[in-house]
Amino acid sequence: MLTTAANPLLPAGYDVVWTIALLAIASLAVVAIAQLVRAAEIRGTEAAIWVLVILALPVVGPIAWFAVRPHRRAERALRA
């Protein structure tokens, strides 16, 4: 009898893909929080709300932070 053996590498492939996706999402959140901490313009309650948004919405939160964060270079160019 011929039996069809399941591919033993398929589950490992899924594990690799999900691990890479998880690491990408986690690193995106870490970078967003690090930039939030370094932003001198945002402190107190506003910073706490941003941290909650970044952590509660793992993909959308960091992307939102990168979209609306204060840009120091643009402010310096306007002052000069």
N, C-alpha and C. Protein backbone atom coordinates (compact mmCIF):
# COMPACT_ATOMS: atom_id res chain seq x y z
N MET A 1 0.81 -1.19 0.00
CA MET A 1 0.00 0.00 0.00
C MET A 1 0.86 1.26 0.00
N LEU A 2 0.41 2.20 -0.75
CA LEU A 2 1.08 3.49 -0.77
C LEU A 2 0.37 4.44 0.19
N THR A 3 1.12 4.99 1.08
CA THR A 3 0.54 5.98 2.00
C THR A 3 1.18 7.33 1.71
N THR A 4 0.41 8.32 1.88
CA THR A 4 0.91 9.67 1.67
C THR A 4 1.40 10.20 3.00
N ALA A 5 2.68 10.44 3.09
CA ALA A 5 3.26 10.97 4.32
C ALA A 5 3.12 12.49 4.33
N ALA A 6 2.79 13.00 5.47
CA ALA A 6 2.69 14.45 5.61
C ALA A 6 4.09 15.04 5.59
N ASN A 7 4.19 16.21 5.05
CA ASN A 7 5.47 16.89 4.98
C ASN A 7 5.87 17.34 6.40
N PRO A 8 6.93 16.80 6.96
CA PRO A 8 7.30 17.18 8.32
C PRO A 8 7.86 18.60 8.42
N LEU A 9 8.25 19.20 7.30
CA LEU A 9 8.81 20.54 7.34
C LEU A 9 7.75 21.63 7.28
N LEU A 10 6.55 21.28 6.89
CA LEU A 10 5.49 22.28 6.77
C LEU A 10 5.18 22.96 8.10
N PRO A 11 4.96 22.23 9.18
CA PRO A 11 4.72 22.94 10.44
C PRO A 11 5.90 23.80 10.88
N ALA A 12 7.11 23.34 10.63
CA ALA A 12 8.28 24.15 10.98
C ALA A 12 8.30 25.44 10.15
N GLY A 13 7.90 25.35 8.90
CA GLY A 13 7.84 26.54 8.06
C GLY A 13 6.85 27.56 8.59
N TYR A 14 5.70 27.07 9.04
CA TYR A 14 4.72 27.98 9.64
C TYR A 14 5.27 28.61 10.91
N ASP A 15 5.99 27.82 11.70
CA ASP A 15 6.58 28.36 12.92
C ASP A 15 7.58 29.46 12.61
N VAL A 16 8.36 29.28 11.58
CA VAL A 16 9.35 30.29 11.20
C VAL A 16 8.65 31.57 10.75
N VAL A 17 7.63 31.43 9.93
CA VAL A 17 6.90 32.61 9.43
C VAL A 17 6.25 33.36 10.58
N TRP A 18 5.58 32.66 11.48
CA TRP A 18 4.92 33.32 12.60
C TRP A 18 5.94 33.94 13.55
N THR A 19 7.08 33.29 13.73
CA THR A 19 8.12 33.85 14.59
C THR A 19 8.67 35.14 14.00
N ILE A 20 8.91 35.16 12.71
CA ILE A 20 9.41 36.37 12.05
C ILE A 20 8.37 37.49 12.15
N ALA A 21 7.10 37.15 11.93
CA ALA A 21 6.04 38.15 12.04
C ALA A 21 5.95 38.70 13.46
N LEU A 22 6.04 37.83 14.45
CA LEU A 22 5.97 38.27 15.85
C LEU A 22 7.16 39.16 16.20
N LEU A 23 8.35 38.79 15.75
CA LEU A 23 9.54 39.61 16.01
C LEU A 23 9.44 40.96 15.32
N ALA A 24 8.90 41.00 14.13
CA ALA A 24 8.73 42.27 13.42
C ALA A 24 7.75 43.18 14.15
N ILE A 25 6.64 42.61 14.60
CA ILE A 25 5.64 43.41 15.32
C ILE A 25 6.20 43.90 16.65
N ALA A 26 6.91 43.02 17.37
CA ALA A 26 7.48 43.41 18.66
C ALA A 26 8.55 44.48 18.48
N SER A 27 9.39 44.34 17.47
CA SER A 27 10.43 45.34 17.26
C SER A 27 9.83 46.68 16.84
N LEU A 28 8.76 46.65 16.07
CA LEU A 28 8.06 47.88 15.69
C LEU A 28 7.54 48.60 16.94
N ALA A 29 6.97 47.85 17.87
CA ALA A 29 6.46 48.44 19.11
C ALA A 29 7.59 48.98 19.97
N VAL A 30 8.70 48.25 20.06
CA VAL A 30 9.83 48.69 20.88
C VAL A 30 10.43 49.98 20.33
N VAL A 31 10.59 50.05 19.01
CA VAL A 31 11.14 51.26 18.40
C VAL A 31 10.19 52.44 18.60
N ALA A 32 8.90 52.20 18.47
CA ALA A 32 7.92 53.28 18.66
C ALA A 32 7.96 53.80 20.10
N ILE A 33 8.03 52.89 21.07
CA ILE A 33 8.07 53.32 22.47
C ILE A 33 9.39 54.02 22.77
N ALA A 34 10.49 53.55 22.20
CA ALA A 34 11.78 54.21 22.42
C ALA A 34 11.75 55.64 21.87
N GLN A 35 11.16 55.83 20.70
CA GLN A 35 11.07 57.18 20.14
C GLN A 35 10.11 58.05 20.95
N LEU A 36 9.08 57.42 21.48
CA LEU A 36 8.13 58.16 22.32
C LEU A 36 8.82 58.66 23.58
N VAL A 37 9.65 57.83 24.19
CA VAL A 37 10.37 58.23 25.40
C VAL A 37 11.35 59.36 25.09
N ARG A 38 11.96 59.32 23.92
CA ARG A 38 12.93 60.35 23.53
C ARG A 38 12.28 61.67 23.10
N ALA A 39 11.00 61.64 22.79
CA ALA A 39 10.31 62.86 22.33
C ALA A 39 10.12 63.80 23.50
N ALA A 40 10.77 64.95 23.45
CA ALA A 40 10.71 65.90 24.55
C ALA A 40 9.36 66.61 24.61
N GLU A 41 8.65 66.64 23.48
CA GLU A 41 7.39 67.38 23.41
C GLU A 41 6.24 66.63 24.10
N ILE A 42 6.38 65.32 24.27
CA ILE A 42 5.27 64.51 24.78
C ILE A 42 5.66 63.96 26.15
N ARG A 43 4.91 64.33 27.16
CA ARG A 43 5.16 63.89 28.53
C ARG A 43 3.83 63.63 29.23
N GLY A 44 3.89 62.96 30.36
CA GLY A 44 2.75 62.79 31.24
C GLY A 44 1.65 61.92 30.68
N THR A 45 0.45 62.43 30.78
CA THR A 45 -0.74 61.67 30.38
C THR A 45 -0.73 61.34 28.90
N GLU A 46 -0.29 62.27 28.08
CA GLU A 46 -0.26 62.03 26.64
C GLU A 46 0.69 60.88 26.30
N ALA A 47 1.84 60.83 26.97
CA ALA A 47 2.79 59.74 26.73
C ALA A 47 2.20 58.41 27.20
N ALA A 48 1.52 58.41 28.33
CA ALA A 48 0.91 57.18 28.84
C ALA A 48 -0.17 56.67 27.88
N ILE A 49 -0.94 57.58 27.32
CA ILE A 49 -1.97 57.18 26.36
C ILE A 49 -1.33 56.59 25.11
N TRP A 50 -0.23 57.21 24.63
CA TRP A 50 0.45 56.67 23.46
C TRP A 50 1.03 55.28 23.73
N VAL A 51 1.58 55.07 24.91
CA VAL A 51 2.11 53.74 25.25
C VAL A 51 0.98 52.72 25.23
N LEU A 52 -0.15 53.07 25.78
CA LEU A 52 -1.30 52.15 25.78
C LEU A 52 -1.77 51.86 24.35
N VAL A 53 -1.81 52.88 23.51
CA VAL A 53 -2.23 52.67 22.12
C VAL A 53 -1.24 51.77 21.39
N ILE A 54 0.05 52.01 21.59
CA ILE A 54 1.07 51.20 20.92
C ILE A 54 1.00 49.75 21.37
N LEU A 55 0.79 49.52 22.65
CA LEU A 55 0.74 48.15 23.16
C LEU A 55 -0.59 47.46 22.90
N ALA A 56 -1.68 48.20 22.92
CA ALA A 56 -3.01 47.59 22.73
C ALA A 56 -3.29 47.28 21.26
N LEU A 57 -2.75 48.08 20.37
CA LEU A 57 -2.93 47.86 18.94
C LEU A 57 -1.56 47.57 18.33
N PRO A 58 -1.13 46.33 18.33
CA PRO A 58 0.26 46.00 18.03
C PRO A 58 0.78 46.46 16.67
N VAL A 59 -0.03 46.52 15.66
CA VAL A 59 0.46 46.96 14.35
C VAL A 59 0.00 48.40 14.08
N VAL A 60 -1.25 48.69 14.33
CA VAL A 60 -1.81 50.00 14.04
C VAL A 60 -1.25 51.08 14.98
N GLY A 61 -1.03 50.73 16.24
CA GLY A 61 -0.52 51.69 17.21
C GLY A 61 0.83 52.28 16.84
N PRO A 62 1.85 51.43 16.61
CA PRO A 62 3.14 51.98 16.21
C PRO A 62 3.10 52.74 14.88
N ILE A 63 2.32 52.25 13.93
CA ILE A 63 2.21 52.96 12.65
C ILE A 63 1.57 54.33 12.86
N ALA A 64 0.57 54.40 13.74
CA ALA A 64 -0.06 55.69 14.05
C ALA A 64 0.95 56.63 14.70
N TRP A 65 1.78 56.09 15.62
CA TRP A 65 2.80 56.93 16.26
C TRP A 65 3.77 57.47 15.23
N PHE A 66 4.25 56.61 14.32
CA PHE A 66 5.20 57.07 13.31
C PHE A 66 4.56 58.10 12.38
N ALA A 67 3.26 58.03 12.20
CA ALA A 67 2.58 58.97 11.30
C ALA A 67 2.37 60.34 11.94
N VAL A 68 2.12 60.40 13.24
CA VAL A 68 1.77 61.68 13.87
C VAL A 68 2.80 62.19 14.87
N ARG A 69 3.91 61.51 15.02
CA ARG A 69 4.91 61.96 16.00
C ARG A 69 5.46 63.32 15.62
N PRO A 70 5.94 64.06 16.59
CA PRO A 70 6.54 65.35 16.28
C PRO A 70 7.88 65.15 15.57
N HIS A 71 8.09 65.90 14.51
CA HIS A 71 9.32 65.79 13.73
C HIS A 71 10.22 66.98 14.06
N ARG A 72 11.35 66.70 14.66
CA ARG A 72 12.26 67.76 15.07
C ARG A 72 12.91 68.46 13.88
N ARG A 73 13.27 67.72 12.86
CA ARG A 73 13.94 68.33 11.70
C ARG A 73 13.03 69.33 11.00
N ALA A 74 11.76 69.01 10.88
CA ALA A 74 10.84 69.92 10.22
C ALA A 74 10.67 71.20 11.04
N GLU A 75 10.64 71.07 12.38
CA GLU A 75 10.52 72.26 13.22
C GLU A 75 11.76 73.14 13.13
N ARG A 76 12.95 72.50 13.09
CA ARG A 76 14.18 73.27 12.99
C ARG A 76 14.25 74.01 11.65
N ALA A 77 13.80 73.39 10.60
CA ALA A 77 13.83 74.03 9.29
C ALA A 77 12.90 75.23 9.26
N LEU A 78 11.76 75.14 9.95
CA LEU A 78 10.82 76.25 9.98
C LEU A 78 11.35 77.42 10.79
N ARG A 79 12.11 77.13 11.83
CA ARG A 79 12.67 78.20 12.68
C ARG A 79 13.79 78.95 11.99
N ALA A 80 14.50 78.30 11.12
CA ALA A 80 15.68 78.94 10.49
C ALA A 80 15.28 79.91 9.40
